[in-house]
Amino acid sequence: MRMVSASTFIFALLFTISAHGFLLGDPDNGKLVHQEKCNACHIGKFGGDGAKIYSRDDRRIQTVEGLMAQVEFCDRQIKSGLNGDEINDLVIYLNENYYKFE
């Protein structure tokens, strides 16, 4: 029987979780991050509470991987300095409340 390293096992586990769309994070913290880091830009561009960006007919985000990439892109663009946990929290918050990807 071949032994695998712990890091190889963890990577395989995380890849499997990601591939099946299971998100790890705290949606309550994601909501706070969204209020503090995202709302001002979204309200400025879309008015109201800024949530139109998530529900519009022509939205670009079609997968959870696309959502993760967009959150990371926005983080870089506005230099918000989110850490990995905050990004995960934000992605799970957005998915649970707007996108509902499996």
PDB file of N, CA and C in Angstrom:
ATOM      1  N   MET A   1       0.837  -1.175   0.000  1.00  0.00           N
ATOM      2  CA  MET A   1       0.000   0.000   0.000  1.00  0.00           C
ATOM      3  C   MET A   1       0.882   1.239   0.000  1.00  0.00           C
ATOM      4  N   ARG A   2       0.572   2.181  -0.883  1.00  0.00           N
ATOM      5  CA  ARG A   2       1.362   3.405  -1.013  1.00  0.00           C
ATOM      6  C   ARG A   2       0.882   4.453  -0.022  1.00  0.00           C
ATOM      7  N   MET A   3       1.791   5.103   0.659  1.00  0.00           N
ATOM      8  CA  MET A   3       1.473   6.150   1.631  1.00  0.00           C
ATOM      9  C   MET A   3       1.539   7.508   0.930  1.00  0.00           C
ATOM     10  N   VAL A   4       0.646   8.418   1.290  1.00  0.00           N
ATOM     11  CA  VAL A   4       0.686   9.782   0.762  1.00  0.00           C
ATOM     12  C   VAL A   4       0.979  10.737   1.906  1.00  0.00           C
ATOM     13  N   SER A   5       1.618  11.827   1.553  1.00  0.00           N
ATOM     14  CA  SER A   5       1.949  12.808   2.588  1.00  0.00           C
ATOM     15  C   SER A   5       0.685  13.508   3.066  1.00  0.00           C
ATOM     16  N   ALA A   6       0.779  14.102   4.243  1.00  0.00           N
ATOM     17  CA  ALA A   6      -0.366  14.827   4.799  1.00  0.00           C
ATOM     18  C   ALA A   6      -0.743  15.997   3.910  1.00  0.00           C
ATOM     19  N   SER A   7       0.250  16.700   3.358  1.00  0.00           N
ATOM     20  CA  SER A   7      -0.064  17.848   2.505  1.00  0.00           C
ATOM     21  C   SER A   7      -0.757  17.404   1.221  1.00  0.00           C
ATOM     22  N   THR A   8      -0.362  16.268   0.668  1.00  0.00           N
ATOM     23  CA  THR A   8      -1.029  15.752  -0.534  1.00  0.00           C
ATOM     24  C   THR A   8      -2.474  15.389  -0.215  1.00  0.00           C
ATOM     25  N   PHE A   9      -2.697  14.779   0.931  1.00  0.00           N
ATOM     26  CA  PHE A   9      -4.043  14.415   1.348  1.00  0.00           C
ATOM     27  C   PHE A   9      -4.908  15.658   1.540  1.00  0.00           C
ATOM     28  N   ILE A  10      -4.378  16.661   2.218  1.00  0.00           N
ATOM     29  CA  ILE A  10      -5.133  17.897   2.459  1.00  0.00           C
ATOM     30  C   ILE A  10      -5.465  18.579   1.137  1.00  0.00           C
ATOM     31  N   PHE A  11      -4.484  18.666   0.224  1.00  0.00           N
ATOM     32  CA  PHE A  11      -4.738  19.271  -1.083  1.00  0.00           C
ATOM     33  C   PHE A  11      -5.847  18.519  -1.811  1.00  0.00           C
ATOM     34  N   ALA A  12      -5.775  17.205  -1.807  1.00  0.00           N
ATOM     35  CA  ALA A  12      -6.791  16.399  -2.495  1.00  0.00           C
ATOM     36  C   ALA A  12      -8.170  16.631  -1.868  1.00  0.00           C
ATOM     37  N   LEU A  13      -8.218  16.700  -0.549  1.00  0.00           N
ATOM     38  CA  LEU A  13      -9.475  16.940   0.139  1.00  0.00           C
ATOM     39  C   LEU A  13     -10.035  18.314  -0.218  1.00  0.00           C
ATOM     40  N   LEU A  14      -9.199  19.344  -0.178  1.00  0.00           N
ATOM     41  CA  LEU A  14      -9.651  20.690  -0.516  1.00  0.00           C
ATOM     42  C   LEU A  14     -10.088  20.783  -1.964  1.00  0.00           C
ATOM     43  N   PHE A  15      -9.375  20.115  -2.869  1.00  0.00           N
ATOM     44  CA  PHE A  15      -9.768  20.127  -4.272  1.00  0.00           C
ATOM     45  C   PHE A  15     -11.131  19.459  -4.436  1.00  0.00           C
ATOM     46  N   THR A  16     -11.338  18.365  -3.738  1.00  0.00           N
ATOM     47  CA  THR A  16     -12.617  17.669  -3.815  1.00  0.00           C
ATOM     48  C   THR A  16     -13.735  18.550  -3.281  1.00  0.00           C
ATOM     49  N   ILE A  17     -13.499  19.207  -2.159  1.00  0.00           N
ATOM     50  CA  ILE A  17     -14.508  20.105  -1.600  1.00  0.00           C
ATOM     51  C   ILE A  17     -14.823  21.203  -2.604  1.00  0.00           C
ATOM     52  N   SER A  18     -13.788  21.817  -3.167  1.00  0.00           N
ATOM     53  CA  SER A  18     -13.978  22.888  -4.134  1.00  0.00           C
ATOM     54  C   SER A  18     -14.707  22.393  -5.372  1.00  0.00           C
ATOM     55  N   ALA A  19     -14.316  21.244  -5.855  1.00  0.00           N
ATOM     56  CA  ALA A  19     -14.906  20.715  -7.078  1.00  0.00           C
ATOM     57  C   ALA A  19     -16.389  20.417  -6.910  1.00  0.00           C
ATOM     58  N   HIS A  20     -16.798  20.101  -5.705  1.00  0.00           N
ATOM     59  CA  HIS A  20     -18.202  19.793  -5.471  1.00  0.00           C
ATOM     60  C   HIS A  20     -18.994  21.005  -5.006  1.00  0.00           C
ATOM     61  N   GLY A  21     -18.353  22.164  -4.970  1.00  0.00           N
ATOM     62  CA  GLY A  21     -19.072  23.381  -4.663  1.00  0.00           C
ATOM     63  C   GLY A  21     -19.345  23.632  -3.196  1.00  0.00           C
ATOM     64  N   PHE A  22     -18.746  22.857  -2.312  1.00  0.00           N
ATOM     65  CA  PHE A  22     -18.934  23.114  -0.896  1.00  0.00           C
ATOM     66  C   PHE A  22     -18.042  24.282  -0.500  1.00  0.00           C
ATOM     67  N   LEU A  23     -18.634  25.257   0.135  1.00  0.00           N
ATOM     68  CA  LEU A  23     -17.885  26.431   0.534  1.00  0.00           C
ATOM     69  C   LEU A  23     -17.657  26.428   2.028  1.00  0.00           C
ATOM     70  N   LEU A  24     -16.477  26.813   2.401  1.00  0.00           N
ATOM     71  CA  LEU A  24     -16.139  26.935   3.808  1.00  0.00           C
ATOM     72  C   LEU A  24     -16.077  28.405   4.148  1.00  0.00           C
ATOM     73  N   GLY A  25     -16.681  28.794   5.225  1.00  0.00           N
ATOM     74  CA  GLY A  25     -16.636  30.187   5.628  1.00  0.00           C
ATOM     75  C   GLY A  25     -17.785  30.519   6.556  1.00  0.00           C
ATOM     76  N   ASP A  26     -17.772  31.754   7.024  1.00  0.00           N
ATOM     77  CA  ASP A  26     -18.781  32.247   7.954  1.00  0.00           C
ATOM     78  C   ASP A  26     -19.613  33.316   7.261  1.00  0.00           C
ATOM     79  N   PRO A  27     -20.842  32.987   6.855  1.00  0.00           N
ATOM     80  CA  PRO A  27     -21.651  33.956   6.126  1.00  0.00           C
ATOM     81  C   PRO A  27     -21.992  35.200   6.945  1.00  0.00           C
ATOM     82  N   ASP A  28     -22.077  35.061   8.269  1.00  0.00           N
ATOM     83  CA  ASP A  28     -22.353  36.237   9.103  1.00  0.00           C
ATOM     84  C   ASP A  28     -21.195  37.232   9.030  1.00  0.00           C
ATOM     85  N   ASN A  29     -19.972  36.711   9.077  1.00  0.00           N
ATOM     86  CA  ASN A  29     -18.823  37.594   8.922  1.00  0.00           C
ATOM     87  C   ASN A  29     -18.760  38.128   7.488  1.00  0.00           C
ATOM     88  N   GLY A  30     -19.143  37.297   6.524  1.00  0.00           N
ATOM     89  CA  GLY A  30     -19.176  37.741   5.133  1.00  0.00           C
ATOM     90  C   GLY A  30     -20.105  38.921   4.932  1.00  0.00           C
ATOM     91  N   LYS A  31     -21.226  38.912   5.640  1.00  0.00           N
ATOM     92  CA  LYS A  31     -22.168  40.035   5.558  1.00  0.00           C
ATOM     93  C   LYS A  31     -21.513  41.309   6.081  1.00  0.00           C
ATOM     94  N   LEU A  32     -20.792  41.192   7.184  1.00  0.00           N
ATOM     95  CA  LEU A  32     -20.091  42.364   7.735  1.00  0.00           C
ATOM     96  C   LEU A  32     -19.017  42.870   6.780  1.00  0.00           C
ATOM     97  N   VAL A  33     -18.262  41.945   6.200  1.00  0.00           N
ATOM     98  CA  VAL A  33     -17.234  42.319   5.231  1.00  0.00           C
ATOM     99  C   VAL A  33     -17.880  43.029   4.053  1.00  0.00           C
ATOM    100  N   HIS A  34     -18.994  42.495   3.594  1.00  0.00           N
ATOM    101  CA  HIS A  34     -19.713  43.095   2.464  1.00  0.00           C
ATOM    102  C   HIS A  34     -20.140  44.522   2.796  1.00  0.00           C
ATOM    103  N   GLN A  35     -20.696  44.719   3.986  1.00  0.00           N
ATOM    104  CA  GLN A  35     -21.135  46.053   4.396  1.00  0.00           C
ATOM    105  C   GLN A  35     -19.960  47.029   4.484  1.00  0.00           C
ATOM    106  N   GLU A  36     -18.836  46.554   4.991  1.00  0.00           N
ATOM    107  CA  GLU A  36     -17.691  47.429   5.203  1.00  0.00           C
ATOM    108  C   GLU A  36     -16.871  47.680   3.941  1.00  0.00           C
ATOM    109  N   LYS A  37     -16.755  46.684   3.074  1.00  0.00           N
ATOM    110  CA  LYS A  37     -15.815  46.769   1.953  1.00  0.00           C
ATOM    111  C   LYS A  37     -16.474  46.882   0.584  1.00  0.00           C
ATOM    112  N   CYS A  38     -17.702  46.414   0.429  1.00  0.00           N
ATOM    113  CA  CYS A  38     -18.299  46.294  -0.912  1.00  0.00           C
ATOM    114  C   CYS A  38     -19.427  47.275  -1.183  1.00  0.00           C
ATOM    115  N   ASN A  39     -20.229  47.556  -0.163  1.00  0.00           N
ATOM    116  CA  ASN A  39     -21.443  48.336  -0.365  1.00  0.00           C
ATOM    117  C   ASN A  39     -21.212  49.687  -1.021  1.00  0.00           C
ATOM    118  N   ALA A  40     -20.230  50.431  -0.589  1.00  0.00           N
ATOM    119  CA  ALA A  40     -20.037  51.789  -1.110  1.00  0.00           C
ATOM    120  C   ALA A  40     -19.869  51.789  -2.624  1.00  0.00           C
ATOM    121  N   CYS A  41     -19.056  50.895  -3.151  1.00  0.00           N
ATOM    122  CA  CYS A  41     -18.833  50.813  -4.595  1.00  0.00           C
ATOM    123  C   CYS A  41     -20.099  50.361  -5.311  1.00  0.00           C
ATOM    124  N   HIS A  42     -20.752  49.344  -4.802  1.00  0.00           N
ATOM    125  CA  HIS A  42     -21.940  48.801  -5.447  1.00  0.00           C
ATOM    126  C   HIS A  42     -23.095  49.796  -5.421  1.00  0.00           C
ATOM    127  N   ILE A  43     -23.267  50.502  -4.320  1.00  0.00           N
ATOM    128  CA  ILE A  43     -24.320  51.517  -4.238  1.00  0.00           C
ATOM    129  C   ILE A  43     -24.031  52.637  -5.223  1.00  0.00           C
ATOM    130  N   GLY A  44     -22.770  53.048  -5.313  1.00  0.00           N
ATOM    131  CA  GLY A  44     -22.390  54.097  -6.245  1.00  0.00           C
ATOM    132  C   GLY A  44     -22.671  53.739  -7.689  1.00  0.00           C
ATOM    133  N   LYS A  45     -22.490  52.482  -8.030  1.00  0.00           N
ATOM    134  CA  LYS A  45     -22.682  52.040  -9.414  1.00  0.00           C
ATOM    135  C   LYS A  45     -24.108  51.604  -9.724  1.00  0.00           C
ATOM    136  N   PHE A  46     -24.814  51.051  -8.740  1.00  0.00           N
ATOM    137  CA  PHE A  46     -26.113  50.439  -9.014  1.00  0.00           C
ATOM    138  C   PHE A  46     -27.266  51.035  -8.218  1.00  0.00           C
ATOM    139  N   GLY A  47     -26.978  51.957  -7.308  1.00  0.00           N
ATOM    140  CA  GLY A  47     -28.029  52.594  -6.532  1.00  0.00           C
ATOM    141  C   GLY A  47     -28.666  51.654  -5.527  1.00  0.00           C
ATOM    142  N   GLY A  48     -29.663  52.170  -4.837  1.00  0.00           N
ATOM    143  CA  GLY A  48     -30.365  51.380  -3.830  1.00  0.00           C
ATOM    144  C   GLY A  48     -29.413  50.811  -2.810  1.00  0.00           C
ATOM    145  N   ASP A  49     -29.536  49.513  -2.558  1.00  0.00           N
ATOM    146  CA  ASP A  49     -28.627  48.866  -1.609  1.00  0.00           C
ATOM    147  C   ASP A  49     -27.437  48.219  -2.309  1.00  0.00           C
ATOM    148  N   GLY A  50     -27.341  48.403  -3.624  1.00  0.00           N
ATOM    149  CA  GLY A  50     -26.213  47.874  -4.382  1.00  0.00           C
ATOM    150  C   GLY A  50     -26.342  46.417  -4.771  1.00  0.00           C
ATOM    151  N   ALA A  51     -27.414  45.749  -4.344  1.00  0.00           N
ATOM    152  CA  ALA A  51     -27.552  44.315  -4.589  1.00  0.00           C
ATOM    153  C   ALA A  51     -27.981  43.981  -6.017  1.00  0.00           C
ATOM    154  N   LYS A  52     -28.364  44.977  -6.810  1.00  0.00           N
ATOM    155  CA  LYS A  52     -28.762  44.713  -8.196  1.00  0.00           C
ATOM    156  C   LYS A  52     -27.665  44.011  -8.981  1.00  0.00           C
ATOM    157  N   ILE A  53     -26.426  44.268  -8.611  1.00  0.00           N
ATOM    158  CA  ILE A  53     -25.309  43.642  -9.319  1.00  0.00           C
ATOM    159  C   ILE A  53     -25.397  42.120  -9.256  1.00  0.00           C
ATOM    160  N   TYR A  54     -25.975  41.595  -8.201  1.00  0.00           N
ATOM    161  CA  TYR A  54     -26.037  40.146  -8.021  1.00  0.00           C
ATOM    162  C   TYR A  54     -27.249  39.518  -8.697  1.00  0.00           C
ATOM    163  N   SER A  55     -28.287  40.291  -8.899  1.00  0.00           N
ATOM    164  CA  SER A  55     -29.525  39.711  -9.406  1.00  0.00           C
ATOM    165  C   SER A  55     -29.897  40.162 -10.813  1.00  0.00           C
ATOM    166  N   ARG A  56     -29.086  40.983 -11.428  1.00  0.00           N
ATOM    167  CA  ARG A  56     -29.432  41.478 -12.770  1.00  0.00           C
ATOM    168  C   ARG A  56     -29.388  40.326 -13.784  1.00  0.00           C
ATOM    169  N   ASP A  57     -30.155  40.469 -14.844  1.00  0.00           N
ATOM    170  CA  ASP A  57     -30.266  39.420 -15.859  1.00  0.00           C
ATOM    171  C   ASP A  57     -28.946  39.141 -16.574  1.00  0.00           C
ATOM    172  N   ASP A  58     -28.135  40.168 -16.756  1.00  0.00           N
ATOM    173  CA  ASP A  58     -26.888  40.011 -17.514  1.00  0.00           C
ATOM    174  C   ASP A  58     -25.656  39.832 -16.612  1.00  0.00           C
ATOM    175  N   ARG A  59     -25.861  39.291 -15.418  1.00  0.00           N
ATOM    176  CA  ARG A  59     -24.722  39.132 -14.510  1.00  0.00           C
ATOM    177  C   ARG A  59     -23.685  38.185 -15.118  1.00  0.00           C
ATOM    178  N   ARG A  60     -22.425  38.500 -14.835  1.00  0.00           N
ATOM    179  CA  ARG A  60     -21.311  37.729 -15.396  1.00  0.00           C
ATOM    180  C   ARG A  60     -21.023  36.456 -14.628  1.00  0.00           C
ATOM    181  N   ILE A  61     -21.328  36.422 -13.375  1.00  0.00           N
ATOM    182  CA  ILE A  61     -20.974  35.300 -12.520  1.00  0.00           C
ATOM    183  C   ILE A  61     -21.952  34.152 -12.747  1.00  0.00           C
ATOM    184  N   GLN A  62     -21.418  32.998 -13.162  1.00  0.00           N
ATOM    185  CA  GLN A  62     -22.266  31.845 -13.468  1.00  0.00           C
ATOM    186  C   GLN A  62     -21.901  30.594 -12.672  1.00  0.00           C
ATOM    187  N   THR A  63     -20.789  30.643 -11.930  1.00  0.00           N
ATOM    188  CA  THR A  63     -20.330  29.490 -11.149  1.00  0.00           C
ATOM    189  C   THR A  63     -19.738  29.979  -9.837  1.00  0.00           C
ATOM    190  N   VAL A  64     -19.610  29.071  -8.887  1.00  0.00           N
ATOM    191  CA  VAL A  64     -18.988  29.440  -7.618  1.00  0.00           C
ATOM    192  C   VAL A  64     -17.515  29.807  -7.833  1.00  0.00           C
ATOM    193  N   GLU A  65     -16.861  29.149  -8.791  1.00  0.00           N
ATOM    194  CA  GLU A  65     -15.460  29.496  -9.095  1.00  0.00           C
ATOM    195  C   GLU A  65     -15.383  30.903  -9.679  1.00  0.00           C
ATOM    196  N   GLY A  66     -16.354  31.248 -10.507  1.00  0.00           N
ATOM    197  CA  GLY A  66     -16.415  32.600 -11.053  1.00  0.00           C
ATOM    198  C   GLY A  66     -16.672  33.632  -9.976  1.00  0.00           C
ATOM    199  N   LEU A  67     -17.504  33.274  -9.003  1.00  0.00           N
ATOM    200  CA  LEU A  67     -17.779  34.165  -7.881  1.00  0.00           C
ATOM    201  C   LEU A  67     -16.515  34.399  -7.066  1.00  0.00           C
ATOM    202  N   MET A  68     -15.782  33.333  -6.784  1.00  0.00           N
ATOM    203  CA  MET A  68     -14.529  33.460  -6.042  1.00  0.00           C
ATOM    204  C   MET A  68     -13.555  34.354  -6.808  1.00  0.00           C
ATOM    205  N   ALA A  69     -13.430  34.140  -8.092  1.00  0.00           N
ATOM    206  CA  ALA A  69     -12.518  34.941  -8.905  1.00  0.00           C
ATOM    207  C   ALA A  69     -12.934  36.406  -8.913  1.00  0.00           C
ATOM    208  N   GLN A  70     -14.230  36.676  -8.978  1.00  0.00           N
ATOM    209  CA  GLN A  70     -14.702  38.062  -8.999  1.00  0.00           C
ATOM    210  C   GLN A  70     -14.444  38.748  -7.668  1.00  0.00           C
ATOM    211  N   VAL A  71     -14.672  38.055  -6.569  1.00  0.00           N
ATOM    212  CA  VAL A  71     -14.399  38.634  -5.247  1.00  0.00           C
ATOM    213  C   VAL A  71     -12.908  38.950  -5.122  1.00  0.00           C
ATOM    214  N   GLU A  72     -12.063  38.033  -5.567  1.00  0.00           N
ATOM    215  CA  GLU A  72     -10.614  38.271  -5.512  1.00  0.00           C
ATOM    216  C   GLU A  72     -10.227  39.438  -6.417  1.00  0.00           C
ATOM    217  N   PHE A  73     -10.843  39.551  -7.601  1.00  0.00           N
ATOM    218  CA  PHE A  73     -10.580  40.658  -8.514  1.00  0.00           C
ATOM    219  C   PHE A  73     -10.967  41.991  -7.866  1.00  0.00           C
ATOM    220  N   CYS A  74     -12.158  42.051  -7.300  1.00  0.00           N
ATOM    221  CA  CYS A  74     -12.610  43.290  -6.648  1.00  0.00           C
ATOM    222  C   CYS A  74     -11.685  43.661  -5.488  1.00  0.00           C
ATOM    223  N   ASP A  75     -11.271  42.669  -4.734  1.00  0.00           N
ATOM    224  CA  ASP A  75     -10.352  42.914  -3.617  1.00  0.00           C
ATOM    225  C   ASP A  75      -9.064  43.572  -4.121  1.00  0.00           C
ATOM    226  N   ARG A  76      -8.528  43.070  -5.222  1.00  0.00           N
ATOM    227  CA  ARG A  76      -7.302  43.664  -5.792  1.00  0.00           C
ATOM    228  C   ARG A  76      -7.564  45.052  -6.353  1.00  0.00           C
ATOM    229  N   GLN A  77      -8.687  45.227  -7.022  1.00  0.00           N
ATOM    230  CA  GLN A  77      -8.995  46.510  -7.663  1.00  0.00           C
ATOM    231  C   GLN A  77      -9.127  47.641  -6.658  1.00  0.00           C
ATOM    232  N   ILE A  78      -9.834  47.393  -5.572  1.00  0.00           N
ATOM    233  CA  ILE A  78     -10.047  48.479  -4.606  1.00  0.00           C
ATOM    234  C   ILE A  78      -9.048  48.428  -3.448  1.00  0.00           C
ATOM    235  N   LYS A  79      -8.123  47.452  -3.545  1.00  0.00           N
ATOM    236  CA  LYS A  79      -7.068  47.317  -2.534  1.00  0.00           C
ATOM    237  C   LYS A  79      -7.642  47.272  -1.110  1.00  0.00           C
ATOM    238  N   SER A  80      -8.654  46.423  -0.945  1.00  0.00           N
ATOM    239  CA  SER A  80      -9.313  46.329   0.355  1.00  0.00           C
ATOM    240  C   SER A  80      -8.516  45.507   1.361  1.00  0.00           C
ATOM    241  N   GLY A  81      -7.568  44.709   0.891  1.00  0.00           N
ATOM    242  CA  GLY A  81      -6.709  43.958   1.802  1.00  0.00           C
ATOM    243  C   GLY A  81      -7.393  42.810   2.518  1.00  0.00           C
ATOM    244  N   LEU A  82      -8.377  42.199   1.879  1.00  0.00           N
ATOM    245  CA  LEU A  82      -9.044  41.064   2.513  1.00  0.00           C
ATOM    246  C   LEU A  82      -8.086  39.887   2.628  1.00  0.00           C
ATOM    247  N   ASN A  83      -8.185  39.165   3.735  1.00  0.00           N
ATOM    248  CA  ASN A  83      -7.399  37.941   3.864  1.00  0.00           C
ATOM    249  C   ASN A  83      -8.215  36.772   3.314  1.00  0.00           C
ATOM    250  N   GLY A  84      -7.612  35.612   3.251  1.00  0.00           N
ATOM    251  CA  GLY A  84      -8.274  34.445   2.671  1.00  0.00           C
ATOM    252  C   GLY A  84      -9.565  34.065   3.369  1.00  0.00           C
ATOM    253  N   ASP A  85      -9.584  34.162   4.700  1.00  0.00           N
ATOM    254  CA  ASP A  85     -10.806  33.834   5.436  1.00  0.00           C
ATOM    255  C   ASP A  85     -11.922  34.817   5.106  1.00  0.00           C
ATOM    256  N   GLU A  86     -11.593  36.101   5.015  1.00  0.00           N
ATOM    257  CA  GLU A  86     -12.606  37.103   4.690  1.00  0.00           C
ATOM    258  C   GLU A  86     -13.161  36.898   3.275  1.00  0.00           C
ATOM    259  N   ILE A  87     -12.291  36.523   2.356  1.00  0.00           N
ATOM    260  CA  ILE A  87     -12.751  36.235   0.994  1.00  0.00           C
ATOM    261  C   ILE A  87     -13.698  35.049   1.001  1.00  0.00           C
ATOM    262  N   ASN A  88     -13.330  33.980   1.704  1.00  0.00           N
ATOM    263  CA  ASN A  88     -14.208  32.805   1.801  1.00  0.00           C
ATOM    264  C   ASN A  88     -15.539  33.166   2.451  1.00  0.00           C
ATOM    265  N   ASP A  89     -15.475  33.970   3.519  1.00  0.00           N
ATOM    266  CA  ASP A  89     -16.695  34.393   4.209  1.00  0.00           C
ATOM    267  C   ASP A  89     -17.591  35.195   3.268  1.00  0.00           C
ATOM    268  N   LEU A  90     -16.995  36.090   2.515  1.00  0.00           N
ATOM    269  CA  LEU A  90     -17.745  36.915   1.576  1.00  0.00           C
ATOM    270  C   LEU A  90     -18.369  36.070   0.470  1.00  0.00           C
ATOM    271  N   VAL A  91     -17.616  35.124  -0.052  1.00  0.00           N
ATOM    272  CA  VAL A  91     -18.135  34.255  -1.110  1.00  0.00           C
ATOM    273  C   VAL A  91     -19.312  33.433  -0.599  1.00  0.00           C
ATOM    274  N   ILE A  92     -19.201  32.865   0.586  1.00  0.00           N
ATOM    275  CA  ILE A  92     -20.309  32.053   1.098  1.00  0.00           C
ATOM    276  C   ILE A  92     -21.522  32.929   1.395  1.00  0.00           C
ATOM    277  N   TYR A  93     -21.316  34.135   1.902  1.00  0.00           N
ATOM    278  CA  TYR A  93     -22.433  35.060   2.137  1.00  0.00           C
ATOM    279  C   TYR A  93     -23.147  35.380   0.825  1.00  0.00           C
ATOM    280  N   LEU A  94     -22.377  35.752  -0.196  1.00  0.00           N
ATOM    281  CA  LEU A  94     -22.974  36.101  -1.485  1.00  0.00           C
ATOM    282  C   LEU A  94     -23.688  34.902  -2.101  1.00  0.00           C
ATOM    283  N   ASN A  95     -23.083  33.736  -1.991  1.00  0.00           N
ATOM    284  CA  ASN A  95     -23.705  32.549  -2.570  1.00  0.00           C
ATOM    285  C   ASN A  95     -25.011  32.203  -1.856  1.00  0.00           C
ATOM    286  N   GLU A  96     -25.000  32.237  -0.555  1.00  0.00           N
ATOM    287  CA  GLU A  96     -26.202  31.868   0.196  1.00  0.00           C
ATOM    288  C   GLU A  96     -27.332  32.869  -0.013  1.00  0.00           C
ATOM    289  N   ASN A  97     -27.004  34.139  -0.214  1.00  0.00           N
ATOM    290  CA  ASN A  97     -28.034  35.165  -0.272  1.00  0.00           C
ATOM    291  C   ASN A  97     -28.448  35.584  -1.678  1.00  0.00           C
ATOM    292  N   TYR A  98     -27.583  35.350  -2.671  1.00  0.00           N
ATOM    293  CA  TYR A  98     -27.886  35.835  -4.013  1.00  0.00           C
ATOM    294  C   TYR A  98     -27.739  34.762  -5.098  1.00  0.00           C
ATOM    295  N   TYR A  99     -26.613  34.090  -5.146  1.00  0.00           N
ATOM    296  CA  TYR A  99     -26.317  33.227  -6.284  1.00  0.00           C
ATOM    297  C   TYR A  99     -26.910  31.830  -6.162  1.00  0.00           C
ATOM    298  N   LYS A 100     -26.763  31.237  -4.993  1.00  0.00           N
ATOM    299  CA  LYS A 100     -27.321  29.909  -4.705  1.00  0.00           C
ATOM    300  C   LYS A 100     -26.776  28.814  -5.624  1.00  0.00           C
ATOM    301  N   PHE A 101     -25.466  28.871  -5.870  1.00  0.00           N
ATOM    302  CA  PHE A 101     -24.811  27.805  -6.641  1.00  0.00           C
ATOM    303  C   PHE A 101     -24.751  26.564  -5.778  1.00  0.00           C
ATOM    304  N   GLU A 102     -24.859  25.410  -6.413  1.00  0.00           N
ATOM    305  CA  GLU A 102     -24.774  24.123  -5.709  1.00  0.00           C
ATOM    306  C   GLU A 102     -23.328  23.773  -5.454  1.00  0.00           C
TER     307      GLU A 102
END
